[in-house]
Amino acid sequence: MRLLDVKSGSWVRIIGYSDGAGFERKLRHLGIIPGDCAKIVRRAPFGGPFLIEVEGRSIALGRGIAMKIEVEESTPPCG
């Protein structure tokens, strides 16, 4: 499933990216690494960005980026 499909308040584990090496490098610089646990804090309405929390950091992501991040649902806090 993609991060774009996840509801607010849900916990997910990042499992990979569906784009090239440049995209992967960008996300790693943001601190979004496969295996990390993330909470979807907020989904802005009308096509706005996502706010996620990863390892205690809040990160805003556009929907285009969220569409390329592959995740799996997890129990809080990613047990």
N, C-alpha and C. Protein backbone atom coordinates (compact mmCIF):
# COMPACT_ATOMS: atom_id res chain seq x y z
N MET A 1 0.84 -1.17 0.00
CA MET A 1 0.00 0.00 0.00
C MET A 1 0.89 1.23 0.00
N ARG A 2 0.35 2.33 -0.45
CA ARG A 2 1.11 3.58 -0.50
C ARG A 2 0.76 4.46 0.70
N LEU A 3 1.69 5.31 1.07
CA LEU A 3 1.46 6.24 2.17
C LEU A 3 0.24 7.11 1.88
N LEU A 4 0.01 7.41 0.64
CA LEU A 4 -1.13 8.24 0.22
C LEU A 4 -2.46 7.61 0.64
N ASP A 5 -2.52 6.30 0.78
CA ASP A 5 -3.76 5.59 1.08
C ASP A 5 -4.05 5.45 2.57
N VAL A 6 -3.17 5.91 3.43
CA VAL A 6 -3.28 5.69 4.87
C VAL A 6 -4.06 6.83 5.53
N LYS A 7 -4.91 6.48 6.49
CA LYS A 7 -5.72 7.48 7.21
C LYS A 7 -4.91 8.16 8.31
N SER A 8 -5.33 9.36 8.67
CA SER A 8 -4.71 10.09 9.77
C SER A 8 -4.81 9.29 11.06
N GLY A 9 -3.79 9.36 11.88
CA GLY A 9 -3.76 8.65 13.15
C GLY A 9 -3.22 7.23 13.04
N SER A 10 -3.01 6.74 11.84
CA SER A 10 -2.53 5.37 11.64
C SER A 10 -1.01 5.28 11.79
N TRP A 11 -0.56 4.12 12.20
CA TRP A 11 0.87 3.82 12.27
C TRP A 11 1.23 2.91 11.11
N VAL A 12 2.38 3.18 10.49
CA VAL A 12 2.85 2.36 9.38
C VAL A 12 4.34 2.10 9.51
N ARG A 13 4.79 1.07 8.84
CA ARG A 13 6.22 0.80 8.70
C ARG A 13 6.58 1.05 7.24
N ILE A 14 7.61 1.83 7.02
CA ILE A 14 8.05 2.14 5.67
C ILE A 14 8.78 0.92 5.12
N ILE A 15 8.36 0.46 3.94
CA ILE A 15 8.99 -0.74 3.38
C ILE A 15 9.79 -0.46 2.11
N GLY A 16 9.59 0.69 1.49
CA GLY A 16 10.38 0.98 0.29
C GLY A 16 9.85 2.18 -0.47
N TYR A 17 10.46 2.41 -1.62
CA TYR A 17 10.10 3.53 -2.48
C TYR A 17 9.85 3.00 -3.89
N SER A 18 8.96 3.66 -4.61
CA SER A 18 8.67 3.21 -5.98
C SER A 18 9.19 4.22 -7.00
N ASP A 19 10.38 4.71 -6.79
CA ASP A 19 10.99 5.64 -7.74
C ASP A 19 12.50 5.39 -7.73
N GLY A 20 13.24 6.16 -8.46
CA GLY A 20 14.67 5.92 -8.65
C GLY A 20 15.56 6.28 -7.47
N ALA A 21 16.87 6.17 -7.72
CA ALA A 21 17.88 6.40 -6.70
C ALA A 21 17.89 7.84 -6.19
N GLY A 22 17.60 8.80 -7.06
CA GLY A 22 17.56 10.20 -6.64
C GLY A 22 16.45 10.45 -5.63
N PHE A 23 15.31 9.83 -5.86
CA PHE A 23 14.19 9.95 -4.93
C PHE A 23 14.54 9.30 -3.59
N GLU A 24 15.15 8.12 -3.66
CA GLU A 24 15.56 7.42 -2.44
C GLU A 24 16.55 8.27 -1.64
N ARG A 25 17.50 8.88 -2.31
CA ARG A 25 18.49 9.72 -1.65
C ARG A 25 17.80 10.91 -0.95
N LYS A 26 16.84 11.52 -1.63
CA LYS A 26 16.11 12.66 -1.06
C LYS A 26 15.39 12.25 0.22
N LEU A 27 14.71 11.11 0.20
CA LEU A 27 13.98 10.66 1.38
C LEU A 27 14.93 10.26 2.52
N ARG A 28 16.05 9.67 2.18
CA ARG A 28 17.02 9.33 3.22
C ARG A 28 17.57 10.60 3.89
N HIS A 29 17.74 11.67 3.12
CA HIS A 29 18.19 12.94 3.69
C HIS A 29 17.12 13.51 4.63
N LEU A 30 15.86 13.25 4.32
CA LEU A 30 14.78 13.69 5.19
C LEU A 30 14.64 12.79 6.42
N GLY A 31 15.30 11.65 6.40
CA GLY A 31 15.23 10.72 7.52
C GLY A 31 14.13 9.69 7.39
N ILE A 32 13.67 9.45 6.17
CA ILE A 32 12.62 8.46 5.92
C ILE A 32 13.30 7.24 5.29
N ILE A 33 13.52 6.22 6.11
CA ILE A 33 14.32 5.07 5.72
C ILE A 33 13.47 3.80 5.85
N PRO A 34 13.56 2.87 4.89
CA PRO A 34 12.82 1.62 5.02
C PRO A 34 13.10 0.94 6.37
N GLY A 35 12.04 0.46 6.99
CA GLY A 35 12.13 -0.15 8.30
C GLY A 35 11.70 0.79 9.41
N ASP A 36 11.69 2.10 9.14
CA ASP A 36 11.27 3.07 10.15
C ASP A 36 9.78 3.00 10.38
N CYS A 37 9.39 3.38 11.57
CA CYS A 37 8.00 3.48 11.97
C CYS A 37 7.55 4.92 11.78
N ALA A 38 6.34 5.14 11.28
CA ALA A 38 5.83 6.49 11.07
C ALA A 38 4.37 6.56 11.49
N LYS A 39 4.00 7.70 12.03
CA LYS A 39 2.59 7.96 12.36
C LYS A 39 2.09 9.06 11.43
N ILE A 40 0.91 8.84 10.86
CA ILE A 40 0.30 9.86 10.01
C ILE A 40 -0.40 10.83 10.95
N VAL A 41 0.18 12.01 11.12
CA VAL A 41 -0.35 12.99 12.06
C VAL A 41 -1.52 13.73 11.45
N ARG A 42 -1.38 14.15 10.20
CA ARG A 42 -2.43 14.97 9.58
C ARG A 42 -2.38 14.84 8.07
N ARG A 43 -3.55 14.79 7.47
CA ARG A 43 -3.69 14.84 6.01
C ARG A 43 -4.46 16.11 5.71
N ALA A 44 -3.81 17.07 5.10
CA ALA A 44 -4.48 18.33 4.79
C ALA A 44 -5.56 18.09 3.73
N PRO A 45 -6.68 18.78 3.84
CA PRO A 45 -7.75 18.61 2.85
C PRO A 45 -7.42 19.24 1.50
N PHE A 46 -8.21 18.89 0.52
CA PHE A 46 -8.14 19.48 -0.82
C PHE A 46 -6.79 19.30 -1.48
N GLY A 47 -6.18 18.14 -1.33
CA GLY A 47 -4.91 17.86 -2.01
C GLY A 47 -3.69 18.45 -1.34
N GLY A 48 -3.82 18.85 -0.09
CA GLY A 48 -2.70 19.43 0.65
C GLY A 48 -1.72 18.37 1.11
N PRO A 49 -0.68 18.79 1.81
CA PRO A 49 0.39 17.86 2.22
C PRO A 49 0.01 16.97 3.39
N PHE A 50 0.85 15.97 3.60
CA PHE A 50 0.76 15.06 4.74
C PHE A 50 1.74 15.54 5.80
N LEU A 51 1.40 15.36 7.05
CA LEU A 51 2.34 15.59 8.14
C LEU A 51 2.53 14.24 8.81
N ILE A 52 3.77 13.74 8.78
CA ILE A 52 4.07 12.45 9.41
C ILE A 52 5.11 12.66 10.50
N GLU A 53 5.14 11.73 11.43
CA GLU A 53 6.15 11.75 12.48
C GLU A 53 6.99 10.49 12.35
N VAL A 54 8.30 10.68 12.19
CA VAL A 54 9.24 9.57 12.04
C VAL A 54 10.36 9.78 13.04
N GLU A 55 10.56 8.81 13.93
CA GLU A 55 11.65 8.88 14.91
C GLU A 55 11.63 10.20 15.69
N GLY A 56 10.43 10.66 16.04
CA GLY A 56 10.29 11.88 16.83
C GLY A 56 10.37 13.18 16.05
N ARG A 57 10.54 13.10 14.74
CA ARG A 57 10.62 14.30 13.89
C ARG A 57 9.34 14.43 13.07
N SER A 58 8.85 15.66 12.94
CA SER A 58 7.69 15.92 12.08
C SER A 58 8.19 16.29 10.69
N ILE A 59 7.61 15.65 9.68
CA ILE A 59 8.02 15.87 8.30
C ILE A 59 6.77 16.08 7.45
N ALA A 60 6.75 17.17 6.68
CA ALA A 60 5.63 17.43 5.76
C ALA A 60 6.01 16.90 4.39
N LEU A 61 5.08 16.17 3.77
CA LEU A 61 5.31 15.59 2.45
C LEU A 61 4.15 15.92 1.54
N GLY A 62 4.44 16.26 0.31
CA GLY A 62 3.40 16.46 -0.68
C GLY A 62 2.79 15.13 -1.09
N ARG A 63 1.63 15.20 -1.69
CA ARG A 63 0.94 13.97 -2.09
C ARG A 63 1.69 13.20 -3.18
N GLY A 64 2.41 13.90 -4.04
CA GLY A 64 3.19 13.22 -5.07
C GLY A 64 4.27 12.35 -4.47
N ILE A 65 4.89 12.83 -3.40
CA ILE A 65 5.92 12.04 -2.70
C ILE A 65 5.25 10.91 -1.94
N ALA A 66 4.15 11.21 -1.24
CA ALA A 66 3.45 10.18 -0.46
C ALA A 66 2.98 9.03 -1.35
N MET A 67 2.69 9.33 -2.60
CA MET A 67 2.24 8.30 -3.53
C MET A 67 3.37 7.30 -3.86
N LYS A 68 4.62 7.70 -3.69
CA LYS A 68 5.76 6.86 -4.07
C LYS A 68 6.39 6.12 -2.89
N ILE A 69 5.84 6.29 -1.69
CA ILE A 69 6.38 5.62 -0.51
C ILE A 69 5.50 4.42 -0.19
N GLU A 70 6.11 3.24 -0.18
CA GLU A 70 5.38 2.01 0.10
C GLU A 70 5.46 1.71 1.59
N VAL A 71 4.29 1.38 2.17
CA VAL A 71 4.21 1.14 3.62
C VAL A 71 3.36 -0.09 3.89
N GLU A 72 3.45 -0.55 5.12
CA GLU A 72 2.53 -1.59 5.60
C GLU A 72 1.98 -1.13 6.94
N GLU A 73 0.72 -1.45 7.21
CA GLU A 73 0.11 -1.04 8.46
C GLU A 73 0.79 -1.74 9.63
N SER A 74 0.84 -1.04 10.75
CA SER A 74 1.48 -1.58 11.93
C SER A 74 0.68 -1.17 13.16
N THR A 75 0.95 -1.83 14.27
CA THR A 75 0.28 -1.46 15.52
C THR A 75 1.13 -0.41 16.23
N PRO A 76 0.52 0.48 16.98
CA PRO A 76 1.29 1.53 17.64
C PRO A 76 2.18 0.97 18.73
N PRO A 77 3.32 1.48 18.88
CA PRO A 77 4.11 2.24 17.90
C PRO A 77 5.02 1.33 17.11
N CYS A 78 4.47 0.67 16.16
CA CYS A 78 5.18 -0.25 15.24
C CYS A 78 5.87 -1.38 16.00
N GLY A 79 5.07 -2.18 16.64
CA GLY A 79 5.59 -3.30 17.41
C GLY A 79 5.90 -4.52 16.62
